Amino acid sequence: MTEKQLVIKQLHKKVAPFARKIAPVYKALNWKWSGSGRSEFIVPDAVDIAISLTGMIEQLEKSGYKYVSTGGLAVEIKEDPEDCSCSIGRIEFKIDEEVYEDEDEL
């Protein structure tokens, strides 16, 4: 098994616990997702989040990408800063706030 395959395997093990941990945040924020053949927006539960994360990890596995993100979730494989010969995997949840201003009001 290659190093990348080992990192991918470790990421897959983290999906379910991570999804359970952050699902209440999506609910509290009423953060709605679309997609997956749905005609309406829904607040994702732990299963929806796990499915999304699994798909993102599979994208990393099949492509040359090192970082994939959507809907506040991100999955990354990067070089370990302490050991350049190793890679580490990371799953994260983040909220980015973008503020837009109307220039006419300035």
C-alpha atoms as a PDB file:
ATOM      1  CA  MET A   1       0.000   0.000   0.000  1.00  0.00           C
ATOM      2  CA  THR A   2       1.383   3.412  -0.961  1.00  0.00           C
ATOM      3  CA  GLU A   3       1.686   6.311   1.464  1.00  0.00           C
ATOM      4  CA  LYS A   4      -1.171   8.151  -0.264  1.00  0.00           C
ATOM      5  CA  GLN A   5      -3.386   5.061   0.064  1.00  0.00           C
ATOM      6  CA  LEU A   6      -2.603   4.884   3.787  1.00  0.00           C
ATOM      7  CA  VAL A   7      -3.508   8.558   4.246  1.00  0.00           C
ATOM      8  CA  ILE A   8      -6.740   8.032   2.272  1.00  0.00           C
ATOM      9  CA  LYS A   9      -7.593   5.037   4.482  1.00  0.00           C
ATOM     10  CA  GLN A  10      -7.027   7.130   7.623  1.00  0.00           C
ATOM     11  CA  LEU A  11      -9.234   9.913   6.246  1.00  0.00           C
ATOM     12  CA  HIS A  12     -12.065   7.445   5.570  1.00  0.00           C
ATOM     13  CA  LYS A  13     -11.885   6.291   9.227  1.00  0.00           C
ATOM     14  CA  LYS A  14     -12.371   9.893  10.421  1.00  0.00           C
ATOM     15  CA  VAL A  15     -15.460  10.608   8.291  1.00  0.00           C
ATOM     16  CA  ALA A  16     -18.269   9.231  10.505  1.00  0.00           C
ATOM     17  CA  PRO A  17     -17.081  10.686  13.832  1.00  0.00           C
ATOM     18  CA  PHE A  18     -16.324  14.036  12.207  1.00  0.00           C
ATOM     19  CA  ALA A  19     -19.741  14.156  10.507  1.00  0.00           C
ATOM     20  CA  ARG A  20     -21.518  13.399  13.797  1.00  0.00           C
ATOM     21  CA  LYS A  21     -19.532  16.125  15.535  1.00  0.00           C
ATOM     22  CA  ILE A  22     -20.319  18.932  13.078  1.00  0.00           C
ATOM     23  CA  ALA A  23     -23.912  18.066  12.051  1.00  0.00           C
ATOM     24  CA  PRO A  24     -25.337  20.020  15.024  1.00  0.00           C
ATOM     25  CA  VAL A  25     -23.468  23.126  13.839  1.00  0.00           C
ATOM     26  CA  TYR A  26     -25.168  22.983  10.442  1.00  0.00           C
ATOM     27  CA  LYS A  27     -28.508  22.595  12.222  1.00  0.00           C
ATOM     28  CA  ALA A  28     -27.843  25.497  14.613  1.00  0.00           C
ATOM     29  CA  LEU A  29     -26.840  27.756  11.708  1.00  0.00           C
ATOM     30  CA  ASN A  30     -29.682  26.479   9.510  1.00  0.00           C
ATOM     31  CA  TRP A  31     -26.999  26.065   6.820  1.00  0.00           C
ATOM     32  CA  LYS A  32     -28.773  24.505   3.867  1.00  0.00           C
ATOM     33  CA  TRP A  33     -27.296  22.447   1.043  1.00  0.00           C
ATOM     34  CA  SER A  34     -28.632  21.606  -2.362  1.00  0.00           C
ATOM     35  CA  GLY A  35     -27.661  18.925  -4.832  1.00  0.00           C
ATOM     36  CA  SER A  36     -27.665  15.140  -4.906  1.00  0.00           C
ATOM     37  CA  GLY A  37     -30.724  15.163  -7.137  1.00  0.00           C
ATOM     38  CA  ARG A  38     -32.790  17.128  -4.633  1.00  0.00           C
ATOM     39  CA  SER A  39     -35.148  19.845  -5.790  1.00  0.00           C
ATOM     40  CA  GLU A  40     -35.047  21.658  -2.449  1.00  0.00           C
ATOM     41  CA  PHE A  41     -32.403  22.854  -0.019  1.00  0.00           C
ATOM     42  CA  ILE A  42     -31.909  20.855   3.191  1.00  0.00           C
ATOM     43  CA  VAL A  43     -29.881  21.197   6.370  1.00  0.00           C
ATOM     44  CA  PRO A  44     -27.506  18.223   6.136  1.00  0.00           C
ATOM     45  CA  ASP A  45     -27.492  15.587   8.839  1.00  0.00           C
ATOM     46  CA  ALA A  46     -24.499  13.415   9.760  1.00  0.00           C
ATOM     47  CA  VAL A  47     -25.272  10.970   6.933  1.00  0.00           C
ATOM     48  CA  ASP A  48     -25.380  13.738   4.299  1.00  0.00           C
ATOM     49  CA  ILE A  49     -22.115  15.162   5.613  1.00  0.00           C
ATOM     50  CA  ALA A  50     -20.446  11.725   5.638  1.00  0.00           C
ATOM     51  CA  ILE A  51     -21.552  11.077   2.045  1.00  0.00           C
ATOM     52  CA  SER A  52     -20.152  14.438   0.967  1.00  0.00           C
ATOM     53  CA  LEU A  53     -16.838  13.871   2.761  1.00  0.00           C
ATOM     54  CA  THR A  54     -16.500  10.371   1.297  1.00  0.00           C
ATOM     55  CA  GLY A  55     -17.026  11.777  -2.194  1.00  0.00           C
ATOM     56  CA  MET A  56     -14.415  14.448  -1.569  1.00  0.00           C
ATOM     57  CA  ILE A  57     -11.887  11.872  -0.357  1.00  0.00           C
ATOM     58  CA  GLU A  58     -12.576   9.777  -3.455  1.00  0.00           C
ATOM     59  CA  GLN A  59     -11.873  12.865  -5.585  1.00  0.00           C
ATOM     60  CA  LEU A  60      -8.489  13.220  -3.899  1.00  0.00           C
ATOM     61  CA  GLU A  61      -7.795   9.540  -4.439  1.00  0.00           C
ATOM     62  CA  LYS A  62      -8.652   9.519  -8.148  1.00  0.00           C
ATOM     63  CA  SER A  63      -7.247  12.896  -9.124  1.00  0.00           C
ATOM     64  CA  GLY A  64      -4.053  14.801  -8.656  1.00  0.00           C
ATOM     65  CA  TYR A  65      -5.816  17.258  -6.361  1.00  0.00           C
ATOM     66  CA  LYS A  66      -4.453  17.833  -2.884  1.00  0.00           C
ATOM     67  CA  TYR A  67      -7.375  19.926  -1.600  1.00  0.00           C
ATOM     68  CA  VAL A  68     -11.130  19.690  -2.183  1.00  0.00           C
ATOM     69  CA  SER A  69     -13.797  21.801  -0.490  1.00  0.00           C
ATOM     70  CA  THR A  70     -17.527  22.480  -0.603  1.00  0.00           C
ATOM     71  CA  GLY A  71     -20.251  23.624   1.771  1.00  0.00           C
ATOM     72  CA  GLY A  72     -17.886  24.484   4.618  1.00  0.00           C
ATOM     73  CA  LEU A  73     -16.095  21.139   4.416  1.00  0.00           C
ATOM     74  CA  ALA A  74     -12.559  20.582   3.179  1.00  0.00           C
ATOM     75  CA  VAL A  75     -10.347  17.535   2.744  1.00  0.00           C
ATOM     76  CA  GLU A  76      -6.618  17.901   2.215  1.00  0.00           C
ATOM     77  CA  ILE A  77      -3.530  15.797   1.766  1.00  0.00           C
ATOM     78  CA  LYS A  78      -0.342  17.719   2.361  1.00  0.00           C
ATOM     79  CA  GLU A  79       3.305  17.231   3.177  1.00  0.00           C
ATOM     80  CA  ASP A  80       3.998  16.776   6.875  1.00  0.00           C
ATOM     81  CA  PRO A  81       5.907  19.909   8.000  1.00  0.00           C
ATOM     82  CA  GLU A  82       7.886  17.863  10.517  1.00  0.00           C
ATOM     83  CA  ASP A  83       8.811  15.065   8.114  1.00  0.00           C
ATOM     84  CA  CYS A  84       8.976  16.065   4.433  1.00  0.00           C
ATOM     85  CA  SER A  85       9.001  12.434   3.352  1.00  0.00           C
ATOM     86  CA  CYS A  86       5.495  11.850   4.760  1.00  0.00           C
ATOM     87  CA  SER A  87       2.027  13.098   3.936  1.00  0.00           C
ATOM     88  CA  ILE A  88      -0.804  13.869   6.312  1.00  0.00           C
ATOM     89  CA  GLY A  89      -4.537  14.016   5.692  1.00  0.00           C
ATOM     90  CA  ARG A  90      -6.898  16.547   7.149  1.00  0.00           C
ATOM     91  CA  ILE A  91     -10.670  17.016   7.266  1.00  0.00           C
ATOM     92  CA  GLU A  92     -11.904  20.417   8.304  1.00  0.00           C
ATOM     93  CA  PHE A  93     -15.056  22.439   8.771  1.00  0.00           C
ATOM     94  CA  LYS A  94     -14.837  26.182   8.412  1.00  0.00           C
ATOM     95  CA  ILE A  95     -17.041  29.178   8.060  1.00  0.00           C
ATOM     96  CA  ASP A  96     -15.785  31.945   5.819  1.00  0.00           C
ATOM     97  CA  GLU A  97     -17.601  35.226   6.005  1.00  0.00           C
ATOM     98  CA  GLU A  98     -17.452  37.419   2.967  1.00  0.00           C
ATOM     99  CA  VAL A  99     -18.682  40.958   3.264  1.00  0.00           C
ATOM    100  CA  TYR A 100     -19.872  42.767   0.172  1.00  0.00           C
ATOM    101  CA  GLU A 101     -20.407  46.506   0.099  1.00  0.00           C
ATOM    102  CA  ASP A 102     -22.203  48.604  -2.434  1.00  0.00           C
ATOM    103  CA  GLU A 103     -19.620  51.094  -3.685  1.00  0.00           C
ATOM    104  CA  ASP A 104     -22.350  53.662  -4.381  1.00  0.00           C
ATOM    105  CA  GLU A 105     -22.926  54.001  -0.653  1.00  0.00           C
ATOM    106  CA  LEU A 106     -19.284  54.827   0.150  1.00  0.00           C
END
